[in-house]
Amino acid sequence: MGHSSQQINVSAHVAVWYAIAAMLLGAKPLSEKVSRTAFLLYIAFLQIASAHHLLVEPGITSEFKVFNTSYAIYLAVLGSMIHGLSVPGAIEAAQRRNGFTEGMFGWLRRAPWGNPAFSGMAMSVIMFGFLGGISGVVLGAEQINLIMHNTLYVPGHFHGTVVAGTTLAFMALTYLLVPLVFQRELILKRLAQWQPYLFGIGALGLSVFMMGAGTLGVSRRHWDITFSDAAISFDHPPAAFLMMGLNGISVLIATVGGIIFIVVIVGSLLFGKKRGEAEVKANPVVFQGGGAAVSTYGSEATLKLPGTIALVTVFFVAFVLYYYINWKYLSEVWPLS
């Protein structure tokens, strides 16, 4: 039941992506109707995604498992893929409309990477897609699930979704809420610029190294992964312990990023300079260009988004390769020759 409830914050952080893109760059959804449909797909199909924790249970019917791991999950993933194209596509369209038209990725290079709201949102999009999204589909495949169920791969997956995706997106939005809602300037602005990168790199390592350890067989719920007092000895590959050590280092990096976030936000609320009308005009937080920030059942009137198409292509290639690799692992566990 807990897994299904996570779709609430997933929907929320996707909404944060759209909000930050609109507030900072004046980005409009490529098609508001399509984006709304993607949220409806979440509502209809992501709620039953928790069944990937039950795929090895003998009491669950094969019919339900097949439905959940094929039709249902494909439609749920379609929703995320729509957002994965629409959000960066909206950003590229807005940047090109604002004059950043040089080359395929000029719009991306000239994005406000020094703004912690934008950098946090951008890393949330990337890591949620490449880490949480791809690993979630792999876990949701009934056959591959057999070699990952109840290993550290599972918490590695949800650190890619709930931490690298949701938490980082909420942190990014908070950098806009402080000056806009509480009318306070951020303190320690240089430290605030670094905070999303520290937390994002830490969350990235957490996810990758736990999934790596899980792929090598490290248990998810066991007090001693070395099985030092077991009647029958068992040794994990040395790489598994390397993964666990790197995971610990990643925890420390993410913790430092989290502490900096608390210091900056709480300090800004308590000691940040009050923003009056003069400060708001001199240092606006949101996009000051013309036109509405969000289209009304409309379109950006362009699908000429070469940079976004290239990035989405990289994602699909990574998706296919990783999916193939895990089927290869499964074939080695149970050879058919």
C-alpha atoms as a PDB file:
ATOM      1  CA  MET A   1       0.000   0.000   0.000  1.00  0.00           C
ATOM      2  CA  GLY A   2       2.893   2.357   0.708  1.00  0.00           C
ATOM      3  CA  HIS A   3       4.137   2.104  -2.854  1.00  0.00           C
ATOM      4  CA  SER A   4       0.818   3.220  -4.321  1.00  0.00           C
ATOM      5  CA  SER A   5       0.741   6.287  -2.068  1.00  0.00           C
ATOM      6  CA  GLN A   6       4.103   7.368  -3.495  1.00  0.00           C
ATOM      7  CA  GLN A   7       2.341   8.236  -6.727  1.00  0.00           C
ATOM      8  CA  ILE A   8       0.904  11.256  -4.907  1.00  0.00           C
ATOM      9  CA  ASN A   9       4.304  12.843  -4.443  1.00  0.00           C
ATOM     10  CA  VAL A  10       5.449  11.708  -7.896  1.00  0.00           C
ATOM     11  CA  SER A  11       2.541  13.620  -9.437  1.00  0.00           C
ATOM     12  CA  ALA A  12       3.377  16.575  -7.193  1.00  0.00           C
ATOM     13  CA  HIS A  13       7.026  16.731  -8.159  1.00  0.00           C
ATOM     14  CA  VAL A  14       6.164  16.476 -11.870  1.00  0.00           C
ATOM     15  CA  ALA A  15       3.857  19.466 -11.322  1.00  0.00           C
ATOM     16  CA  VAL A  16       6.833  21.215  -9.677  1.00  0.00           C
ATOM     17  CA  TRP A  17       8.876  20.630 -12.847  1.00  0.00           C
ATOM     18  CA  TYR A  18       6.244  22.416 -14.933  1.00  0.00           C
ATOM     19  CA  ALA A  19       5.905  25.183 -12.326  1.00  0.00           C
ATOM     20  CA  ILE A  20       9.619  25.989 -12.066  1.00  0.00           C
ATOM     21  CA  ALA A  21      10.029  25.958 -15.854  1.00  0.00           C
ATOM     22  CA  ALA A  22       7.120  28.400 -16.165  1.00  0.00           C
ATOM     23  CA  MET A  23       8.210  30.640 -13.293  1.00  0.00           C
ATOM     24  CA  LEU A  24      11.874  30.948 -14.279  1.00  0.00           C
ATOM     25  CA  LEU A  25      11.767  30.755 -18.077  1.00  0.00           C
ATOM     26  CA  GLY A  26       8.170  31.444 -19.072  1.00  0.00           C
ATOM     27  CA  ALA A  27       7.916  27.896 -20.441  1.00  0.00           C
ATOM     28  CA  LYS A  28       4.526  26.693 -21.645  1.00  0.00           C
ATOM     29  CA  PRO A  29       3.539  23.027 -22.005  1.00  0.00           C
ATOM     30  CA  LEU A  30       3.961  21.848 -25.581  1.00  0.00           C
ATOM     31  CA  SER A  31       0.379  20.622 -25.334  1.00  0.00           C
ATOM     32  CA  GLU A  32      -1.562  21.117 -22.131  1.00  0.00           C
ATOM     33  CA  LYS A  33      -4.091  18.471 -23.177  1.00  0.00           C
ATOM     34  CA  VAL A  34      -1.364  15.862 -23.612  1.00  0.00           C
ATOM     35  CA  SER A  35       0.232  16.727 -20.276  1.00  0.00           C
ATOM     36  CA  ARG A  36      -3.140  16.461 -18.534  1.00  0.00           C
ATOM     37  CA  THR A  37      -3.661  13.070 -20.157  1.00  0.00           C
ATOM     38  CA  ALA A  38      -0.303  11.932 -18.758  1.00  0.00           C
ATOM     39  CA  PHE A  39      -1.500  12.768 -15.240  1.00  0.00           C
ATOM     40  CA  LEU A  40      -4.676  10.776 -15.886  1.00  0.00           C
ATOM     41  CA  LEU A  41      -2.530   7.787 -16.885  1.00  0.00           C
ATOM     42  CA  TYR A  42      -0.809   8.115 -13.494  1.00  0.00           C
ATOM     43  CA  ILE A  43      -4.132   8.045 -11.690  1.00  0.00           C
ATOM     44  CA  ALA A  44      -5.426   5.048 -13.628  1.00  0.00           C
ATOM     45  CA  PHE A  45      -2.358   2.815 -13.686  1.00  0.00           C
ATOM     46  CA  LEU A  46       0.392   3.827 -11.277  1.00  0.00           C
ATOM     47  CA  GLN A  47      -1.745   2.948  -8.278  1.00  0.00           C
ATOM     48  CA  ILE A  48      -1.369  -0.782  -8.944  1.00  0.00           C
ATOM     49  CA  ALA A  49       2.371  -0.617  -9.585  1.00  0.00           C
ATOM     50  CA  SER A  50       2.937  -1.882  -6.026  1.00  0.00           C
ATOM     51  CA  ALA A  51       2.318  -5.382  -7.380  1.00  0.00           C
ATOM     52  CA  HIS A  52       5.976  -5.571  -8.376  1.00  0.00           C
ATOM     53  CA  HIS A  53       6.588  -6.318  -4.684  1.00  0.00           C
ATOM     54  CA  LEU A  54       4.242  -9.289  -4.984  1.00  0.00           C
ATOM     55  CA  LEU A  55       5.372 -10.926  -8.210  1.00  0.00           C
ATOM     56  CA  VAL A  56       7.080 -13.814  -6.402  1.00  0.00           C
ATOM     57  CA  GLU A  57       4.052 -14.505  -4.198  1.00  0.00           C
ATOM     58  CA  PRO A  58       2.390 -17.842  -5.091  1.00  0.00           C
ATOM     59  CA  GLY A  59      -1.046 -16.659  -3.967  1.00  0.00           C
ATOM     60  CA  ILE A  60      -1.295 -13.991  -6.668  1.00  0.00           C
ATOM     61  CA  THR A  61      -2.823 -15.248  -9.899  1.00  0.00           C
ATOM     62  CA  SER A  62      -0.774 -15.380 -13.069  1.00  0.00           C
ATOM     63  CA  GLU A  63      -3.473 -13.394 -14.861  1.00  0.00           C
ATOM     64  CA  PHE A  64      -3.061 -10.473 -12.471  1.00  0.00           C
ATOM     65  CA  LYS A  65       0.731 -10.602 -12.704  1.00  0.00           C
ATOM     66  CA  VAL A  66       0.649 -10.604 -16.506  1.00  0.00           C
ATOM     67  CA  PHE A  67      -1.818  -7.705 -16.625  1.00  0.00           C
ATOM     68  CA  ASN A  68       0.157  -5.677 -14.105  1.00  0.00           C
ATOM     69  CA  THR A  69       3.551  -6.256 -15.698  1.00  0.00           C
ATOM     70  CA  SER A  70       2.425  -5.646 -19.253  1.00  0.00           C
ATOM     71  CA  TYR A  71      -0.591  -3.477 -20.096  1.00  0.00           C
ATOM     72  CA  ALA A  72      -0.833  -1.575 -16.808  1.00  0.00           C
ATOM     73  CA  ILE A  73       2.831  -0.751 -16.402  1.00  0.00           C
ATOM     74  CA  TYR A  74       3.246   0.206 -20.053  1.00  0.00           C
ATOM     75  CA  LEU A  75       0.467   2.786 -19.769  1.00  0.00           C
ATOM     76  CA  ALA A  76       1.878   4.125 -16.516  1.00  0.00           C
ATOM     77  CA  VAL A  77       5.346   4.441 -18.042  1.00  0.00           C
ATOM     78  CA  LEU A  78       3.789   6.213 -21.020  1.00  0.00           C
ATOM     79  CA  GLY A  79       2.648   8.965 -18.643  1.00  0.00           C
ATOM     80  CA  SER A  80       6.186   9.505 -17.353  1.00  0.00           C
ATOM     81  CA  MET A  81       7.613   9.467 -20.882  1.00  0.00           C
ATOM     82  CA  ILE A  82       5.155  12.163 -21.927  1.00  0.00           C
ATOM     83  CA  HIS A  83       6.335  14.364 -19.059  1.00  0.00           C
ATOM     84  CA  GLY A  84       9.945  13.450 -19.852  1.00  0.00           C
ATOM     85  CA  LEU A  85       9.503  14.920 -23.331  1.00  0.00           C
ATOM     86  CA  SER A  86       7.133  17.756 -22.458  1.00  0.00           C
ATOM     87  CA  VAL A  87       9.147  19.376 -19.639  1.00  0.00           C
ATOM     88  CA  PRO A  88      12.542  19.676 -21.384  1.00  0.00           C
ATOM     89  CA  GLY A  89      10.712  20.386 -24.646  1.00  0.00           C
ATOM     90  CA  ALA A  90       8.872  23.282 -23.022  1.00  0.00           C
ATOM     91  CA  ILE A  91      12.170  24.577 -21.627  1.00  0.00           C
ATOM     92  CA  GLU A  92      13.892  24.373 -25.023  1.00  0.00           C
ATOM     93  CA  ALA A  93      10.971  26.098 -26.761  1.00  0.00           C
ATOM     94  CA  ALA A  94      10.985  28.870 -24.146  1.00  0.00           C
ATOM     95  CA  GLN A  95      14.748  29.349 -24.315  1.00  0.00           C
ATOM     96  CA  ARG A  96      14.693  29.528 -28.102  1.00  0.00           C
ATOM     97  CA  ARG A  97      11.803  31.992 -27.938  1.00  0.00           C
ATOM     98  CA  ASN A  98      13.878  34.061 -25.495  1.00  0.00           C
ATOM     99  CA  GLY A  99      16.733  34.259 -28.009  1.00  0.00           C
ATOM    100  CA  PHE A 100      19.007  31.337 -27.125  1.00  0.00           C
ATOM    101  CA  THR A 101      18.964  29.710 -30.546  1.00  0.00           C
ATOM    102  CA  GLU A 102      22.606  28.840 -31.178  1.00  0.00           C
ATOM    103  CA  GLY A 103      23.221  25.204 -32.073  1.00  0.00           C
ATOM    104  CA  MET A 104      21.471  22.133 -30.779  1.00  0.00           C
ATOM    105  CA  PHE A 105      22.188  22.715 -27.088  1.00  0.00           C
ATOM    106  CA  GLY A 106      22.759  26.456 -26.806  1.00  0.00           C
ATOM    107  CA  TRP A 107      19.443  26.763 -24.983  1.00  0.00           C
ATOM    108  CA  LEU A 108      20.650  24.227 -22.405  1.00  0.00           C
ATOM    109  CA  ARG A 109      24.087  25.793 -21.904  1.00  0.00           C
ATOM    110  CA  ARG A 110      22.518  29.215 -21.386  1.00  0.00           C
ATOM    111  CA  ALA A 111      19.957  27.976 -18.881  1.00  0.00           C
ATOM    112  CA  PRO A 112      20.208  29.497 -15.372  1.00  0.00           C
ATOM    113  CA  TRP A 113      22.329  26.736 -13.845  1.00  0.00           C
ATOM    114  CA  GLY A 114      23.453  29.085 -11.080  1.00  0.00           C
ATOM    115  CA  ASN A 115      19.879  29.341  -9.822  1.00  0.00           C
ATOM    116  CA  PRO A 116      19.338  26.507  -7.292  1.00  0.00           C
ATOM    117  CA  ALA A 117      15.665  26.300  -8.254  1.00  0.00           C
ATOM    118  CA  PHE A 118      16.526  25.510 -11.870  1.00  0.00           C
ATOM    119  CA  SER A 119      19.526  23.259 -11.211  1.00  0.00           C
ATOM    120  CA  GLY A 120      17.586  21.260  -8.620  1.00  0.00           C
ATOM    121  CA  MET A 121      14.638  20.846 -10.989  1.00  0.00           C
ATOM    122  CA  ALA A 122      16.854  19.856 -13.938  1.00  0.00           C
ATOM    123  CA  MET A 123      18.725  17.211 -11.928  1.00  0.00           C
ATOM    124  CA  SER A 124      15.423  15.925 -10.584  1.00  0.00           C
ATOM    125  CA  VAL A 125      14.151  15.405 -14.141  1.00  0.00           C
ATOM    126  CA  ILE A 126      17.336  13.675 -15.292  1.00  0.00           C
ATOM    127  CA  MET A 127      17.823  11.387 -12.295  1.00  0.00           C
ATOM    128  CA  PHE A 128      14.168  10.497 -11.920  1.00  0.00           C
ATOM    129  CA  GLY A 129      14.149   9.389 -15.561  1.00  0.00           C
ATOM    130  CA  PHE A 130      17.480   7.619 -15.860  1.00  0.00           C
ATOM    131  CA  LEU A 131      17.610   6.111 -12.351  1.00  0.00           C
ATOM    132  CA  GLY A 132      14.114   5.794 -10.941  1.00  0.00           C
ATOM    133  CA  GLY A 133      12.247   5.386 -14.211  1.00  0.00           C
ATOM    134  CA  ILE A 134      14.386   2.812 -15.983  1.00  0.00           C
ATOM    135  CA  SER A 135      14.971   0.772 -12.819  1.00  0.00           C
ATOM    136  CA  GLY A 136      11.242   0.858 -12.042  1.00  0.00           C
ATOM    137  CA  VAL A 137      10.378  -0.668 -15.397  1.00  0.00           C
ATOM    138  CA  VAL A 138      13.031  -3.341 -14.870  1.00  0.00           C
ATOM    139  CA  LEU A 139      11.624  -4.156 -11.430  1.00  0.00           C
ATOM    140  CA  GLY A 140       8.122  -4.231 -12.868  1.00  0.00           C
ATOM    141  CA  ALA A 141       8.993  -6.980 -15.363  1.00  0.00           C
ATOM    142  CA  GLU A 142       7.907 -10.229 -13.742  1.00  0.00           C
ATOM    143  CA  GLN A 143      10.800 -12.331 -15.019  1.00  0.00           C
ATOM    144  CA  ILE A 144      13.624  -9.886 -14.211  1.00  0.00           C
ATOM    145  CA  ASN A 145      12.041  -9.162 -10.847  1.00  0.00           C
ATOM    146  CA  LEU A 146      13.031 -12.672  -9.759  1.00  0.00           C
ATOM    147  CA  ILE A 147      16.727 -11.755  -9.600  1.00  0.00           C
ATOM    148  CA  MET A 148      16.185  -8.397  -7.838  1.00  0.00           C
ATOM    149  CA  HIS A 149      13.312  -8.981  -5.438  1.00  0.00           C
ATOM    150  CA  ASN A 150      14.262  -8.133  -1.812  1.00  0.00           C
ATOM    151  CA  THR A 151      17.799  -7.104  -2.711  1.00  0.00           C
ATOM    152  CA  LEU A 152      19.291  -3.646  -2.198  1.00  0.00           C
ATOM    153  CA  TYR A 153      18.283  -2.930  -5.782  1.00  0.00           C
ATOM    154  CA  VAL A 154      14.790  -2.064  -4.495  1.00  0.00           C
ATOM    155  CA  PRO A 155      15.821   0.787  -2.119  1.00  0.00           C
ATOM    156  CA  GLY A 156      18.302   1.855  -4.810  1.00  0.00           C
ATOM    157  CA  HIS A 157      15.316   2.239  -7.154  1.00  0.00           C
ATOM    158  CA  PHE A 158      13.205   4.297  -4.793  1.00  0.00           C
ATOM    159  CA  HIS A 159      16.131   6.523  -3.838  1.00  0.00           C
ATOM    160  CA  GLY A 160      16.204   7.327  -7.559  1.00  0.00           C
ATOM    161  CA  THR A 161      12.513   8.253  -7.467  1.00  0.00           C
ATOM    162  CA  VAL A 162      11.607   9.633  -4.028  1.00  0.00           C
ATOM    163  CA  VAL A 163      14.997  11.192  -3.178  1.00  0.00           C
ATOM    164  CA  ALA A 164      16.675  12.156  -6.462  1.00  0.00           C
ATOM    165  CA  GLY A 165      13.262  12.904  -7.972  1.00  0.00           C
ATOM    166  CA  THR A 166      10.776  14.134  -5.384  1.00  0.00           C
ATOM    167  CA  THR A 167      12.971  15.504  -2.583  1.00  0.00           C
ATOM    168  CA  LEU A 168      15.272  17.397  -4.944  1.00  0.00           C
ATOM    169  CA  ALA A 169      12.295  18.893  -6.801  1.00  0.00           C
ATOM    170  CA  PHE A 170      10.706  20.058  -3.541  1.00  0.00           C
ATOM    171  CA  MET A 171      14.027  21.568  -2.454  1.00  0.00           C
ATOM    172  CA  ALA A 172      14.227  23.426  -5.771  1.00  0.00           C
ATOM    173  CA  LEU A 173      10.725  24.852  -5.378  1.00  0.00           C
ATOM    174  CA  THR A 174      11.500  26.009  -1.832  1.00  0.00           C
ATOM    175  CA  TYR A 175      14.169  28.360  -3.216  1.00  0.00           C
ATOM    176  CA  LEU A 176      11.329  30.184  -4.992  1.00  0.00           C
ATOM    177  CA  LEU A 177       8.829  30.005  -2.127  1.00  0.00           C
ATOM    178  CA  VAL A 178      11.109  31.845   0.318  1.00  0.00           C
ATOM    179  CA  PRO A 179      11.345  35.077  -1.704  1.00  0.00           C
ATOM    180  CA  LEU A 180       7.869  34.855  -3.248  1.00  0.00           C
ATOM    181  CA  VAL A 181       5.723  33.711  -0.307  1.00  0.00           C
ATOM    182  CA  PHE A 182       7.749  34.728   2.733  1.00  0.00           C
ATOM    183  CA  GLN A 183       9.245  37.809   1.043  1.00  0.00           C
ATOM    184  CA  ARG A 184      12.753  37.082   2.299  1.00  0.00           C
ATOM    185  CA  GLU A 185      16.054  37.166   0.453  1.00  0.00           C
ATOM    186  CA  LEU A 186      18.126  33.986   0.552  1.00  0.00           C
ATOM    187  CA  ILE A 187      21.189  34.058   2.774  1.00  0.00           C
ATOM    188  CA  LEU A 188      24.479  32.354   1.886  1.00  0.00           C
ATOM    189  CA  LYS A 189      23.602  32.512  -1.806  1.00  0.00           C
ATOM    190  CA  ARG A 190      26.850  30.926  -2.973  1.00  0.00           C
ATOM    191  CA  LEU A 191      26.262  27.988  -0.642  1.00  0.00           C
ATOM    192  CA  ALA A 192      22.671  27.765  -1.884  1.00  0.00           C
ATOM    193  CA  GLN A 193      23.960  27.483  -5.467  1.00  0.00           C
ATOM    194  CA  TRP A 194      26.074  24.465  -4.531  1.00  0.00           C
ATOM    195  CA  GLN A 195      23.460  22.733  -2.393  1.00  0.00           C
ATOM    196  CA  PRO A 196      21.389  21.032  -5.166  1.00  0.00           C
ATOM    197  CA  TYR A 197      24.569  19.696  -6.772  1.00  0.00           C
ATOM    198  CA  LEU A 198      25.857  18.223  -3.499  1.00  0.00           C
ATOM    199  CA  PHE A 199      22.531  16.652  -2.606  1.00  0.00           C
ATOM    200  CA  GLY A 200      21.971  15.498  -6.203  1.00  0.00           C
ATOM    201  CA  ILE A 201      25.398  13.873  -6.505  1.00  0.00           C
ATOM    202  CA  GLY A 202      24.879  12.166  -3.154  1.00  0.00           C
ATOM    203  CA  ALA A 203      21.449  10.876  -4.157  1.00  0.00           C
ATOM    204  CA  LEU A 204      22.863   9.727  -7.498  1.00  0.00           C
ATOM    205  CA  GLY A 205      25.543   7.693  -5.737  1.00  0.00           C
ATOM    206  CA  LEU A 206      23.057   6.279  -3.245  1.00  0.00           C
ATOM    207  CA  SER A 207      20.826   5.007  -6.005  1.00  0.00           C
ATOM    208  CA  VAL A 208      23.524   3.695  -8.343  1.00  0.00           C
ATOM    209  CA  PHE A 209      25.617   1.912  -5.722  1.00  0.00           C
ATOM    210  CA  MET A 210      22.665   0.302  -3.939  1.00  0.00           C
ATOM    211  CA  MET A 211      21.336  -0.959  -7.259  1.00  0.00           C
ATOM    212  CA  GLY A 212      24.822  -2.216  -8.067  1.00  0.00           C
ATOM    213  CA  ALA A 213      25.093  -4.050  -4.755  1.00  0.00           C
ATOM    214  CA  GLY A 214      21.603  -5.484  -5.238  1.00  0.00           C
ATOM    215  CA  THR A 215      22.506  -6.699  -8.711  1.00  0.00           C
ATOM    216  CA  LEU A 216      25.411  -8.567  -7.088  1.00  0.00           C
ATOM    217  CA  GLY A 217      22.980 -10.193  -4.631  1.00  0.00           C
ATOM    218  CA  VAL A 218      23.246  -8.097  -1.456  1.00  0.00           C
ATOM    219  CA  SER A 219      20.085  -8.641   0.609  1.00  0.00           C
ATOM    220  CA  ARG A 220      17.662  -5.830   1.307  1.00  0.00           C
ATOM    221  CA  ARG A 221      16.611  -6.958   4.786  1.00  0.00           C
ATOM    222  CA  HIS A 222      19.415  -8.785   6.554  1.00  0.00           C
ATOM    223  CA  TRP A 223      21.355  -7.678   9.583  1.00  0.00           C
ATOM    224  CA  ASP A 224      24.663  -9.136   8.347  1.00  0.00           C
ATOM    225  CA  ILE A 225      25.305  -9.263   4.606  1.00  0.00           C
ATOM    226  CA  THR A 226      28.543 -11.172   5.253  1.00  0.00           C
ATOM    227  CA  PHE A 227      26.608 -14.064   6.865  1.00  0.00           C
ATOM    228  CA  SER A 228      29.461 -14.354   9.355  1.00  0.00           C
ATOM    229  CA  ASP A 229      27.609 -16.689  11.765  1.00  0.00           C
ATOM    230  CA  ALA A 230      25.693 -18.703   9.168  1.00  0.00           C
ATOM    231  CA  ALA A 231      25.926 -22.486   9.271  1.00  0.00           C
ATOM    232  CA  ILE A 232      26.638 -22.470   5.537  1.00  0.00           C
ATOM    233  CA  SER A 233      29.112 -19.783   4.534  1.00  0.00           C
ATOM    234  CA  PHE A 234      28.371 -17.463   1.644  1.00  0.00           C
ATOM    235  CA  ASP A 235      30.606 -14.817   0.107  1.00  0.00           C
ATOM    236  CA  HIS A 236      29.460 -11.929  -2.048  1.00  0.00           C
ATOM    237  CA  PRO A 237      31.808 -10.777  -4.812  1.00  0.00           C
ATOM    238  CA  PRO A 238      34.366  -8.200  -3.562  1.00  0.00           C
ATOM    239  CA  ALA A 239      32.713  -5.619  -5.828  1.00  0.00           C
ATOM    240  CA  ALA A 240      29.586  -5.829  -3.662  1.00  0.00           C
ATOM    241  CA  PHE A 241      31.470  -4.512  -0.632  1.00  0.00           C
ATOM    242  CA  LEU A 242      33.058  -1.811  -2.779  1.00  0.00           C
ATOM    243  CA  MET A 243      29.543  -0.755  -3.784  1.00  0.00           C
ATOM    244  CA  MET A 244      28.491  -0.600  -0.124  1.00  0.00           C
ATOM    245  CA  GLY A 245      31.505   1.551   0.753  1.00  0.00           C
ATOM    246  CA  LEU A 246      30.795   3.965  -2.098  1.00  0.00           C
ATOM    247  CA  ASN A 247      27.174   4.014  -0.981  1.00  0.00           C
ATOM    248  CA  GLY A 248      28.320   5.158   2.464  1.00  0.00           C
ATOM    249  CA  ILE A 249      30.383   7.977   0.953  1.00  0.00           C
ATOM    250  CA  SER A 250      27.354   9.022  -1.100  1.00  0.00           C
ATOM    251  CA  VAL A 251      25.264   9.124   2.085  1.00  0.00           C
ATOM    252  CA  LEU A 252      27.737  11.573   3.618  1.00  0.00           C
ATOM    253  CA  ILE A 253      27.667  13.818   0.528  1.00  0.00           C
ATOM    254  CA  ALA A 254      23.855  13.837   0.455  1.00  0.00           C
ATOM    255  CA  THR A 255      23.747  14.539   4.196  1.00  0.00           C
ATOM    256  CA  VAL A 256      26.013  17.562   3.793  1.00  0.00           C
ATOM    257  CA  GLY A 257      23.726  18.796   1.007  1.00  0.00           C
ATOM    258  CA  GLY A 258      20.685  18.271   3.228  1.00  0.00           C
ATOM    259  CA  ILE A 259      22.228  20.155   6.155  1.00  0.00           C
ATOM    260  CA  ILE A 260      23.166  23.064   3.882  1.00  0.00           C
ATOM    261  CA  PHE A 261      19.566  23.195   2.629  1.00  0.00           C
ATOM    262  CA  ILE A 262      18.212  23.415   6.185  1.00  0.00           C
ATOM    263  CA  VAL A 263      20.742  26.098   7.150  1.00  0.00           C
ATOM    264  CA  VAL A 264      20.018  28.220   4.071  1.00  0.00           C
ATOM    265  CA  ILE A 265      16.221  27.955   4.196  1.00  0.00           C
ATOM    266  CA  VAL A 266      15.732  28.291   7.961  1.00  0.00           C
ATOM    267  CA  GLY A 267      18.369  31.014   8.098  1.00  0.00           C
ATOM    268  CA  SER A 268      16.667  32.893   5.259  1.00  0.00           C
ATOM    269  CA  LEU A 269      13.276  32.709   6.969  1.00  0.00           C
ATOM    270  CA  LEU A 270      14.750  34.007  10.237  1.00  0.00           C
ATOM    271  CA  PHE A 271      17.466  36.403   9.098  1.00  0.00           C
ATOM    272  CA  GLY A 272      16.950  37.014   5.381  1.00  0.00           C
ATOM    273  CA  LYS A 273      16.527  40.601   4.238  1.00  0.00           C
ATOM    274  CA  LYS A 274      12.889  41.606   3.841  1.00  0.00           C
ATOM    275  CA  ARG A 275      11.903  42.099   0.202  1.00  0.00           C
ATOM    276  CA  GLY A 276      10.065  45.367  -0.342  1.00  0.00           C
ATOM    277  CA  GLU A 277       8.651  46.721  -3.589  1.00  0.00           C
ATOM    278  CA  ALA A 278      11.992  48.188  -4.591  1.00  0.00           C
ATOM    279  CA  GLU A 279      13.819  44.889  -4.056  1.00  0.00           C
ATOM    280  CA  VAL A 280      11.145  42.967  -5.951  1.00  0.00           C
ATOM    281  CA  LYS A 281      11.505  45.277  -8.972  1.00  0.00           C
ATOM    282  CA  ALA A 282      15.295  45.359  -8.814  1.00  0.00           C
ATOM    283  CA  ASN A 283      15.705  41.608  -8.284  1.00  0.00           C
ATOM    284  CA  PRO A 284      12.696  39.758  -9.709  1.00  0.00           C
ATOM    285  CA  VAL A 285      12.490  36.059  -8.937  1.00  0.00           C
ATOM    286  CA  VAL A 286      10.135  34.969 -11.722  1.00  0.00           C
ATOM    287  CA  PHE A 287      10.269  35.354 -15.501  1.00  0.00           C
ATOM    288  CA  GLN A 288       9.602  38.923 -16.644  1.00  0.00           C
ATOM    289  CA  GLY A 289       8.998  38.273 -20.350  1.00  0.00           C
ATOM    290  CA  GLY A 290       5.737  38.900 -22.125  1.00  0.00           C
ATOM    291  CA  GLY A 291       2.874  36.446 -22.538  1.00  0.00           C
ATOM    292  CA  ALA A 292       1.166  34.068 -20.200  1.00  0.00           C
ATOM    293  CA  ALA A 293       3.347  31.537 -18.395  1.00  0.00           C
ATOM    294  CA  VAL A 294       0.992  28.658 -19.164  1.00  0.00           C
ATOM    295  CA  SER A 295      -0.964  28.051 -22.336  1.00  0.00           C
ATOM    296  CA  THR A 296      -4.709  27.484 -22.226  1.00  0.00           C
ATOM    297  CA  TYR A 297      -5.429  24.227 -24.024  1.00  0.00           C
ATOM    298  CA  GLY A 298      -2.985  25.488 -26.575  1.00  0.00           C
ATOM    299  CA  SER A 299       0.401  24.659 -27.972  1.00  0.00           C
ATOM    300  CA  GLU A 300       3.861  26.129 -28.161  1.00  0.00           C
ATOM    301  CA  ALA A 301       3.224  26.029 -31.930  1.00  0.00           C
ATOM    302  CA  THR A 302       6.477  24.227 -32.536  1.00  0.00           C
ATOM    303  CA  LEU A 303       7.854  20.746 -32.350  1.00  0.00           C
ATOM    304  CA  LYS A 304      11.235  21.800 -33.763  1.00  0.00           C
ATOM    305  CA  LEU A 305      13.120  20.786 -30.663  1.00  0.00           C
ATOM    306  CA  PRO A 306      16.366  19.158 -31.836  1.00  0.00           C
ATOM    307  CA  GLY A 307      18.049  19.308 -28.436  1.00  0.00           C
ATOM    308  CA  THR A 308      15.165  17.664 -26.620  1.00  0.00           C
ATOM    309  CA  ILE A 309      14.823  14.981 -29.287  1.00  0.00           C
ATOM    310  CA  ALA A 310      18.548  14.203 -28.966  1.00  0.00           C
ATOM    311  CA  LEU A 311      18.300  13.942 -25.163  1.00  0.00           C
ATOM    312  CA  VAL A 312      15.219  11.720 -25.354  1.00  0.00           C
ATOM    313  CA  THR A 313      17.039   9.511 -27.872  1.00  0.00           C
ATOM    314  CA  VAL A 314      19.920   9.073 -25.411  1.00  0.00           C
ATOM    315  CA  PHE A 315      17.380   8.084 -22.758  1.00  0.00           C
ATOM    316  CA  PHE A 316      15.758   5.469 -25.001  1.00  0.00           C
ATOM    317  CA  VAL A 317      19.121   3.981 -25.967  1.00  0.00           C
ATOM    318  CA  ALA A 318      20.105   3.716 -22.284  1.00  0.00           C
ATOM    319  CA  PHE A 319      16.696   2.200 -21.529  1.00  0.00           C
ATOM    320  CA  VAL A 320      17.014  -0.518 -24.194  1.00  0.00           C
ATOM    321  CA  LEU A 321      20.621  -1.384 -23.327  1.00  0.00           C
ATOM    322  CA  TYR A 322      19.928  -1.674 -19.611  1.00  0.00           C
ATOM    323  CA  TYR A 323      16.814  -3.740 -20.223  1.00  0.00           C
ATOM    324  CA  TYR A 324      18.843  -6.131 -22.422  1.00  0.00           C
ATOM    325  CA  ILE A 325      21.644  -6.360 -19.835  1.00  0.00           C
ATOM    326  CA  ASN A 326      19.236  -7.478 -17.121  1.00  0.00           C
ATOM    327  CA  TRP A 327      17.683 -10.121 -19.352  1.00  0.00           C
ATOM    328  CA  LYS A 328      21.244 -11.307 -19.976  1.00  0.00           C
ATOM    329  CA  TYR A 329      21.783 -11.564 -16.198  1.00  0.00           C
ATOM    330  CA  LEU A 330      18.595 -13.605 -15.907  1.00  0.00           C
ATOM    331  CA  SER A 331      19.707 -15.984 -18.647  1.00  0.00           C
ATOM    332  CA  GLU A 332      22.940 -16.626 -16.752  1.00  0.00           C
ATOM    333  CA  VAL A 333      21.072 -17.446 -13.558  1.00  0.00           C
ATOM    334  CA  TRP A 334      18.973 -20.089 -15.304  1.00  0.00           C
ATOM    335  CA  PRO A 335      20.794 -21.370 -18.379  1.00  0.00           C
ATOM    336  CA  LEU A 336      18.629 -23.215 -20.861  1.00  0.00           C
ATOM    337  CA  SER A 337      21.409 -25.188 -22.563  1.00  0.00           C
END
